[in-house]
């Protein structure tokens, strides 16, 4: 898990989730969440085979890379329905 600030200063948390199943290849994927709480934004195409590898990747990722991944996740997030 890694906390960082986006370009506007809002705090986000990059973390890893595990997809259950019998296939171990690419079982772990990236999730972005607002640090204040709210809806997670999964990036299921950013995957790792082990949790250890995923955590190491997040620990060593630059803030620029995390912000780029966040922009991608926000661009894919579903648009809320209007009442």
Protein backbone atom coordinates (compact mmCIF):
# COMPACT_ATOMS: atom_id res chain seq x y z
CA UNK A 1 0.00 0.00 0.00
CA UNK A 2 1.33 3.43 -0.93
CA UNK A 3 -0.15 6.87 -0.31
CA UNK A 4 0.51 9.76 -2.69
CA UNK A 5 -0.98 13.10 -3.77
CA UNK A 6 -2.47 13.74 -7.19
CA UNK A 7 -1.76 16.94 -9.14
CA UNK A 8 -4.45 18.85 -7.22
CA UNK A 9 -3.12 17.72 -3.84
CA UNK A 10 -5.83 15.14 -3.07
CA UNK A 11 -4.44 12.11 -1.24
CA UNK A 12 -4.80 8.65 -2.81
CA UNK A 13 -3.81 5.13 -1.84
CA UNK A 14 -2.41 2.67 -4.35
CA UNK A 15 -2.93 -0.87 -3.15
CA UNK A 16 -3.18 -4.46 -4.32
CA UNK A 17 -6.19 -6.76 -4.47
CA UNK A 18 -6.27 -10.47 -5.10
CA UNK A 19 -8.61 -12.00 -7.63
CA UNK A 20 -9.75 -15.37 -6.28
CA UNK A 21 -9.55 -18.41 -8.46
CA UNK A 22 -7.38 -21.33 -9.41
CA UNK A 23 -5.21 -19.44 -11.90
CA UNK A 24 -2.20 -17.95 -10.12
CA UNK A 25 -0.82 -16.03 -13.10
CA UNK A 26 -1.69 -12.38 -12.76
CA UNK A 27 -3.78 -12.96 -9.67
CA UNK A 28 -2.97 -9.59 -8.04
CA UNK A 29 -4.05 -6.25 -9.52
CA UNK A 30 -3.76 -2.52 -8.82
CA UNK A 31 -6.48 -0.52 -7.06
CA UNK A 32 -6.56 3.25 -6.49
CA UNK A 33 -8.68 4.63 -3.62
CA UNK A 34 -9.19 8.14 -2.20
CA UNK A 35 -7.40 8.32 1.15
CA UNK A 36 -10.48 10.01 2.63
CA UNK A 37 -12.65 7.05 1.62
CA UNK A 38 -14.87 6.47 -1.35
CA UNK A 39 -15.09 4.27 -4.38
CA UNK A 40 -12.10 2.20 -5.40
CA UNK A 41 -10.87 2.43 -8.96
CA UNK A 42 -9.47 -0.94 -10.05
CA UNK A 43 -6.95 -1.25 -12.85
CA UNK A 44 -7.36 -4.93 -13.62
CA UNK A 45 -4.92 -4.81 -16.53
CA UNK A 46 -2.03 -3.90 -14.15
CA UNK A 47 -1.29 -7.34 -12.71
CA UNK A 48 1.34 -9.27 -10.82
CA UNK A 49 1.82 -12.95 -10.13
CA UNK A 50 2.64 -12.57 -6.43
CA UNK A 51 1.69 -10.13 -3.69
CA UNK A 52 5.37 -9.66 -2.88
CA UNK A 53 6.12 -8.51 -6.44
CA UNK A 54 3.09 -6.22 -6.43
CA UNK A 55 4.08 -4.56 -3.16
CA UNK A 56 7.67 -4.09 -4.33
CA UNK A 57 6.41 -2.49 -7.55
CA UNK A 58 4.24 -0.05 -5.61
CA UNK A 59 7.03 0.77 -3.15
CA UNK A 60 9.45 1.61 -5.94
CA UNK A 61 7.03 3.36 -8.32
CA UNK A 62 7.57 7.06 -8.83
CA UNK A 63 4.85 9.57 -7.95
CA UNK A 64 4.68 10.42 -11.66
CA UNK A 65 3.90 6.77 -12.47
CA UNK A 66 1.27 6.55 -9.73
CA UNK A 67 -0.40 9.75 -10.99
CA UNK A 68 -0.41 8.39 -14.54
CA UNK A 69 -2.06 5.17 -13.35
CA UNK A 70 -4.59 7.21 -11.37
CA UNK A 71 -5.52 9.26 -14.45
CA UNK A 72 -6.04 6.02 -16.32
CA UNK A 73 -8.22 4.61 -13.52
CA UNK A 74 -10.28 7.81 -13.32
CA UNK A 75 -10.76 7.78 -17.09
CA UNK A 76 -12.20 4.27 -16.85
CA UNK A 77 -14.39 4.88 -13.81
CA UNK A 78 -18.10 4.55 -14.53
CA UNK A 79 -20.04 7.79 -14.74
CA UNK A 80 -22.62 8.01 -11.93
CA UNK A 81 -26.25 7.87 -13.07
CA UNK A 82 -28.19 11.11 -12.84
CA UNK A 83 -31.23 11.10 -10.52
